[in-house]
């Protein structure tokens, strides 16, 4: 019971921090979320006998977050905006790219509570 309370407190604190800062709408990107969860599910499915699937899912979230970030930065670097160093276009795209590691670590800390 206490582990679920800990997970709920973490969710409330993170959501409150995001809402206070810029609003939850700026911290939600479906493609980044889908990417992180997809890698995490694939990682969890690769668990060997005796390995905890929740732990594997959490580890996969972190790895998926960083892979999502690298994919995002690679896509940003290939744009005309990057070639022109137009930071008014680059920075919003970087903010979206940074959501993937945020999601990854967020899900990892939740899974650590649920282990």
N, C-alpha and C. Protein backbone atom coordinates (compact mmCIF):
# COMPACT_ATOMS: atom_id res chain seq x y z
N UNK A 1 0.82 -1.20 0.00
CA UNK A 1 0.00 0.00 0.00
C UNK A 1 0.87 1.27 0.00
N UNK A 2 1.94 1.24 0.77
CA UNK A 2 2.81 2.40 0.88
C UNK A 2 3.50 2.69 -0.46
N UNK A 3 3.85 1.62 -1.20
CA UNK A 3 4.52 1.84 -2.48
C UNK A 3 3.59 2.55 -3.46
N UNK A 4 2.28 2.24 -3.41
CA UNK A 4 1.33 2.92 -4.29
C UNK A 4 1.16 4.38 -3.87
N UNK A 5 1.17 4.64 -2.57
CA UNK A 5 1.10 6.02 -2.09
C UNK A 5 2.33 6.80 -2.55
N UNK A 6 3.50 6.16 -2.50
CA UNK A 6 4.72 6.82 -2.98
C UNK A 6 4.63 7.16 -4.45
N UNK A 7 4.09 6.23 -5.26
CA UNK A 7 3.94 6.49 -6.70
C UNK A 7 2.97 7.64 -6.94
N UNK A 8 1.88 7.68 -6.19
CA UNK A 8 0.90 8.77 -6.34
C UNK A 8 1.50 10.11 -5.97
N UNK A 9 2.30 10.14 -4.91
CA UNK A 9 2.95 11.39 -4.50
C UNK A 9 3.91 11.86 -5.58
N UNK A 10 4.68 10.95 -6.16
CA UNK A 10 5.61 11.32 -7.23
C UNK A 10 4.84 11.90 -8.42
N UNK A 11 3.76 11.26 -8.81
CA UNK A 11 2.96 11.74 -9.94
C UNK A 11 2.42 13.13 -9.65
N UNK A 12 1.91 13.36 -8.45
CA UNK A 12 1.35 14.67 -8.09
C UNK A 12 2.43 15.74 -8.09
N UNK A 13 3.59 15.44 -7.52
CA UNK A 13 4.67 16.43 -7.46
C UNK A 13 5.16 16.80 -8.86
N UNK A 14 5.37 15.80 -9.71
CA UNK A 14 5.85 16.08 -11.07
C UNK A 14 4.79 16.85 -11.86
N UNK A 15 3.55 16.41 -11.80
CA UNK A 15 2.48 17.10 -12.53
C UNK A 15 2.31 18.53 -12.03
N UNK A 16 2.41 18.74 -10.72
CA UNK A 16 2.27 20.09 -10.16
C UNK A 16 3.42 20.99 -10.61
N UNK A 17 4.62 20.43 -10.62
CA UNK A 17 5.77 21.21 -11.08
C UNK A 17 5.64 21.63 -12.53
N UNK A 18 5.20 20.72 -13.36
CA UNK A 18 5.03 21.04 -14.78
C UNK A 18 3.90 22.04 -14.96
N UNK A 19 2.79 21.83 -14.28
CA UNK A 19 1.64 22.75 -14.40
C UNK A 19 2.01 24.15 -13.92
N UNK A 20 2.75 24.24 -12.84
CA UNK A 20 3.16 25.53 -12.32
C UNK A 20 4.12 26.24 -13.28
N UNK A 21 5.01 25.47 -13.89
CA UNK A 21 6.01 26.06 -14.78
C UNK A 21 5.46 26.55 -16.09
N UNK A 22 4.89 25.67 -16.88
CA UNK A 22 4.45 26.07 -18.22
C UNK A 22 3.09 25.52 -18.58
N UNK A 23 2.58 24.61 -17.80
CA UNK A 23 1.30 23.99 -18.10
C UNK A 23 1.49 22.59 -18.64
N UNK A 24 0.58 21.71 -18.27
CA UNK A 24 0.67 20.31 -18.68
C UNK A 24 0.57 20.14 -20.19
N UNK A 25 -0.13 21.05 -20.86
CA UNK A 25 -0.29 20.92 -22.31
C UNK A 25 1.05 21.00 -23.05
N UNK A 26 2.00 21.72 -22.50
CA UNK A 26 3.32 21.81 -23.14
C UNK A 26 4.20 20.61 -22.85
N UNK A 27 3.81 19.80 -21.89
CA UNK A 27 4.62 18.65 -21.51
C UNK A 27 4.05 17.34 -22.04
N UNK A 28 3.09 17.43 -22.94
CA UNK A 28 2.49 16.23 -23.49
C UNK A 28 2.76 16.17 -24.99
N UNK A 29 3.43 15.12 -25.40
CA UNK A 29 3.69 14.87 -26.81
C UNK A 29 3.45 13.38 -27.05
N UNK A 30 2.40 13.08 -27.79
CA UNK A 30 1.98 11.69 -27.97
C UNK A 30 3.05 10.85 -28.65
N UNK A 31 3.74 11.39 -29.64
CA UNK A 31 4.75 10.61 -30.36
C UNK A 31 5.92 10.25 -29.45
N UNK A 32 6.37 11.20 -28.64
CA UNK A 32 7.46 10.91 -27.69
C UNK A 32 7.03 9.86 -26.68
N UNK A 33 5.82 10.00 -26.19
CA UNK A 33 5.29 9.04 -25.22
C UNK A 33 5.19 7.64 -25.83
N UNK A 34 4.67 7.57 -27.04
CA UNK A 34 4.53 6.30 -27.73
C UNK A 34 5.90 5.66 -28.00
N UNK A 35 6.88 6.47 -28.37
CA UNK A 35 8.23 5.98 -28.63
C UNK A 35 8.82 5.35 -27.36
N UNK A 36 8.74 6.08 -26.25
CA UNK A 36 9.31 5.61 -24.99
C UNK A 36 8.62 4.32 -24.53
N UNK A 37 7.29 4.32 -24.57
CA UNK A 37 6.56 3.14 -24.12
C UNK A 37 6.79 1.95 -25.05
N UNK A 38 6.90 2.21 -26.35
CA UNK A 38 7.17 1.13 -27.30
C UNK A 38 8.51 0.45 -27.04
N UNK A 39 9.55 1.25 -26.82
CA UNK A 39 10.87 0.67 -26.52
C UNK A 39 10.81 -0.07 -25.18
N UNK A 40 10.12 0.50 -24.21
CA UNK A 40 10.03 -0.11 -22.89
C UNK A 40 9.30 -1.45 -22.94
N UNK A 41 8.22 -1.52 -23.68
CA UNK A 41 7.48 -2.79 -23.80
C UNK A 41 8.36 -3.83 -24.48
N UNK A 42 9.04 -3.44 -25.54
CA UNK A 42 9.95 -4.38 -26.21
C UNK A 42 11.05 -4.86 -25.28
N UNK A 43 11.56 -3.96 -24.46
CA UNK A 43 12.61 -4.32 -23.50
C UNK A 43 12.06 -5.27 -22.44
N UNK A 44 10.85 -5.01 -21.96
CA UNK A 44 10.23 -5.87 -20.94
C UNK A 44 9.93 -7.26 -21.50
N UNK A 45 9.54 -7.32 -22.75
CA UNK A 45 9.25 -8.62 -23.36
C UNK A 45 10.50 -9.48 -23.51
N UNK A 46 11.66 -8.84 -23.50
CA UNK A 46 12.92 -9.57 -23.61
C UNK A 46 13.45 -10.08 -22.28
N UNK A 47 12.65 -9.98 -21.23
CA UNK A 47 13.10 -10.43 -19.90
C UNK A 47 13.33 -11.94 -19.90
N UNK A 48 14.42 -12.33 -19.27
CA UNK A 48 14.73 -13.75 -19.14
C UNK A 48 13.99 -14.31 -17.92
N UNK A 49 14.00 -15.62 -17.80
CA UNK A 49 13.35 -16.25 -16.64
C UNK A 49 13.97 -15.72 -15.35
N UNK A 50 13.12 -15.33 -14.43
CA UNK A 50 13.59 -14.84 -13.14
C UNK A 50 13.78 -13.33 -13.10
N UNK A 51 13.80 -12.66 -14.24
CA UNK A 51 13.93 -11.20 -14.25
C UNK A 51 12.56 -10.57 -14.03
N UNK A 52 12.57 -9.48 -13.32
CA UNK A 52 11.34 -8.75 -13.05
C UNK A 52 10.96 -7.92 -14.28
N UNK A 53 9.78 -8.15 -14.82
CA UNK A 53 9.34 -7.44 -16.02
C UNK A 53 9.11 -5.95 -15.75
N UNK A 54 8.72 -5.60 -14.52
CA UNK A 54 8.53 -4.19 -14.19
C UNK A 54 9.88 -3.47 -14.19
N UNK A 55 10.90 -4.11 -13.65
CA UNK A 55 12.24 -3.53 -13.68
C UNK A 55 12.73 -3.36 -15.11
N UNK A 56 12.51 -4.38 -15.93
CA UNK A 56 12.91 -4.31 -17.34
C UNK A 56 12.15 -3.20 -18.06
N UNK A 57 10.87 -3.04 -17.76
CA UNK A 57 10.08 -1.98 -18.37
C UNK A 57 10.66 -0.61 -18.00
N UNK A 58 10.97 -0.42 -16.72
CA UNK A 58 11.54 0.86 -16.26
C UNK A 58 12.88 1.15 -16.92
N UNK A 59 13.73 0.14 -17.01
CA UNK A 59 15.02 0.32 -17.68
C UNK A 59 14.82 0.65 -19.16
N UNK A 60 13.84 -0.01 -19.78
CA UNK A 60 13.53 0.26 -21.18
C UNK A 60 13.00 1.67 -21.39
N UNK A 61 12.29 2.20 -20.41
CA UNK A 61 11.79 3.57 -20.50
C UNK A 61 12.95 4.57 -20.59
N UNK A 62 13.94 4.37 -19.73
CA UNK A 62 15.10 5.28 -19.75
C UNK A 62 15.83 5.17 -21.08
N UNK A 63 16.06 3.95 -21.53
CA UNK A 63 16.75 3.76 -22.81
C UNK A 63 15.92 4.32 -23.96
N UNK A 64 14.61 4.08 -23.92
CA UNK A 64 13.74 4.63 -24.96
C UNK A 64 13.72 6.15 -24.95
N UNK A 65 13.79 6.74 -23.76
CA UNK A 65 13.84 8.19 -23.66
C UNK A 65 15.06 8.78 -24.32
N UNK A 66 16.20 8.18 -24.06
CA UNK A 66 17.43 8.69 -24.67
C UNK A 66 17.48 8.41 -26.17
N UNK A 67 16.97 7.26 -26.58
CA UNK A 67 16.90 7.01 -28.03
C UNK A 67 15.97 8.01 -28.71
N UNK A 68 14.84 8.30 -28.08
CA UNK A 68 13.91 9.29 -28.62
C UNK A 68 14.56 10.66 -28.73
N UNK A 69 15.34 11.02 -27.72
CA UNK A 69 16.04 12.31 -27.75
C UNK A 69 17.03 12.37 -28.90
N UNK A 70 17.81 11.29 -29.07
CA UNK A 70 18.79 11.27 -30.16
C UNK A 70 18.12 11.31 -31.53
N UNK A 71 17.01 10.60 -31.68
CA UNK A 71 16.27 10.67 -32.93
C UNK A 71 15.77 12.09 -33.16
N UNK A 72 15.21 12.71 -32.12
CA UNK A 72 14.71 14.08 -32.25
C UNK A 72 15.79 15.08 -32.62
N UNK A 73 16.93 14.99 -31.96
CA UNK A 73 18.04 15.91 -32.26
C UNK A 73 18.56 15.68 -33.68
N UNK A 74 18.62 14.43 -34.10
CA UNK A 74 19.06 14.13 -35.47
C UNK A 74 18.10 14.73 -36.50
N UNK A 75 16.82 14.62 -36.22
CA UNK A 75 15.83 15.20 -37.14
C UNK A 75 15.91 16.72 -37.15
N UNK A 76 16.13 17.31 -35.98
CA UNK A 76 16.25 18.77 -35.90
C UNK A 76 17.49 19.23 -36.66
N UNK A 77 18.60 18.52 -36.50
CA UNK A 77 19.86 18.92 -37.15
C UNK A 77 19.76 18.89 -38.67
N UNK A 78 18.86 18.10 -39.20
CA UNK A 78 18.71 18.00 -40.65
C UNK A 78 17.76 19.01 -41.26
N UNK A 79 17.27 19.95 -40.48
CA UNK A 79 16.31 20.92 -41.01
C UNK A 79 17.00 22.18 -41.52
N UNK A 80 16.26 22.92 -42.34
CA UNK A 80 16.76 24.21 -42.81
C UNK A 80 16.89 25.21 -41.66
N UNK A 81 16.05 25.06 -40.65
CA UNK A 81 16.11 25.97 -39.49
C UNK A 81 17.45 25.84 -38.78
N UNK A 82 17.93 24.60 -38.67
CA UNK A 82 19.23 24.37 -38.02
C UNK A 82 20.35 24.94 -38.88
N UNK A 83 20.24 24.79 -40.19
CA UNK A 83 21.27 25.30 -41.09
C UNK A 83 21.35 26.83 -41.00
N UNK A 84 20.21 27.47 -40.80
CA UNK A 84 20.17 28.94 -40.69
C UNK A 84 20.38 29.42 -39.26
N UNK A 85 20.49 28.45 -38.32
CA UNK A 85 20.62 28.77 -36.89
C UNK A 85 19.46 29.64 -36.41
N UNK A 86 18.26 29.29 -36.84
CA UNK A 86 17.04 30.01 -36.45
C UNK A 86 16.55 29.43 -35.12
N UNK A 87 17.02 30.04 -34.04
CA UNK A 87 16.71 29.51 -32.72
C UNK A 87 15.24 29.65 -32.35
N UNK A 88 14.53 30.54 -32.99
CA UNK A 88 13.10 30.65 -32.70
C UNK A 88 12.34 29.41 -33.18
N UNK A 89 12.91 28.67 -34.11
CA UNK A 89 12.31 27.42 -34.57
C UNK A 89 12.98 26.19 -33.94
N UNK A 90 14.27 26.31 -33.64
CA UNK A 90 15.01 25.17 -33.09
C UNK A 90 14.61 24.89 -31.65
N UNK A 91 14.47 25.92 -30.84
CA UNK A 91 14.23 25.73 -29.41
C UNK A 91 12.91 25.02 -29.11
N UNK A 92 11.80 25.36 -29.76
CA UNK A 92 10.58 24.58 -29.49
C UNK A 92 10.73 23.11 -29.88
N UNK A 93 11.46 22.85 -30.95
CA UNK A 93 11.69 21.47 -31.36
C UNK A 93 12.58 20.75 -30.34
N UNK A 94 13.57 21.44 -29.79
CA UNK A 94 14.43 20.86 -28.76
C UNK A 94 13.62 20.56 -27.50
N UNK A 95 12.68 21.43 -27.18
CA UNK A 95 11.83 21.20 -26.01
C UNK A 95 11.04 19.90 -26.17
N UNK A 96 10.55 19.65 -27.37
CA UNK A 96 9.82 18.40 -27.63
C UNK A 96 10.79 17.22 -27.56
N UNK A 97 11.99 17.37 -28.09
CA UNK A 97 12.97 16.27 -28.06
C UNK A 97 13.34 15.92 -26.61
N UNK A 98 13.37 16.92 -25.75
CA UNK A 98 13.72 16.67 -24.35
C UNK A 98 12.61 16.01 -23.55
N UNK A 99 11.42 15.95 -24.11
CA UNK A 99 10.32 15.28 -23.41
C UNK A 99 10.55 13.76 -23.31
N UNK A 100 11.21 13.18 -24.30
CA UNK A 100 11.42 11.73 -24.29
C UNK A 100 12.23 11.27 -23.07
N UNK A 101 13.39 11.88 -22.77
CA UNK A 101 14.09 11.46 -21.54
C UNK A 101 13.29 11.77 -20.27
N UNK A 102 12.53 12.87 -20.29
CA UNK A 102 11.68 13.18 -19.15
C UNK A 102 10.67 12.06 -18.91
N UNK A 103 10.00 11.63 -19.97
CA UNK A 103 9.06 10.52 -19.85
C UNK A 103 9.76 9.25 -19.38
N UNK A 104 10.93 8.99 -19.94
CA UNK A 104 11.67 7.78 -19.58
C UNK A 104 12.01 7.73 -18.10
N UNK A 105 12.55 8.81 -17.57
CA UNK A 105 12.92 8.83 -16.16
C UNK A 105 11.68 8.88 -15.26
N UNK A 106 10.62 9.53 -15.72
CA UNK A 106 9.38 9.57 -14.95
C UNK A 106 8.82 8.16 -14.79
N UNK A 107 8.74 7.42 -15.87
CA UNK A 107 8.23 6.05 -15.78
C UNK A 107 9.19 5.15 -15.00
N UNK A 108 10.48 5.39 -15.11
CA UNK A 108 11.45 4.60 -14.36
C UNK A 108 11.25 4.77 -12.86
N UNK A 109 11.07 5.99 -12.40
CA UNK A 109 10.91 6.22 -10.97
C UNK A 109 9.58 5.64 -10.47
N UNK A 110 8.57 5.65 -11.32
CA UNK A 110 7.28 5.03 -10.95
C UNK A 110 7.46 3.51 -10.85
N UNK A 111 8.14 2.91 -11.83
CA UNK A 111 8.34 1.46 -11.77
C UNK A 111 9.22 1.06 -10.59
N UNK A 112 10.14 1.92 -10.18
CA UNK A 112 10.95 1.62 -9.01
C UNK A 112 10.07 1.54 -7.77
N UNK A 113 9.02 2.34 -7.71
CA UNK A 113 8.09 2.29 -6.58
C UNK A 113 7.26 1.02 -6.60
N UNK A 114 6.98 0.51 -7.80
CA UNK A 114 6.08 -0.64 -7.93
C UNK A 114 6.78 -1.98 -7.88
N UNK A 115 8.11 -1.99 -7.85
CA UNK A 115 8.86 -3.26 -7.83
C UNK A 115 8.61 -4.01 -6.54
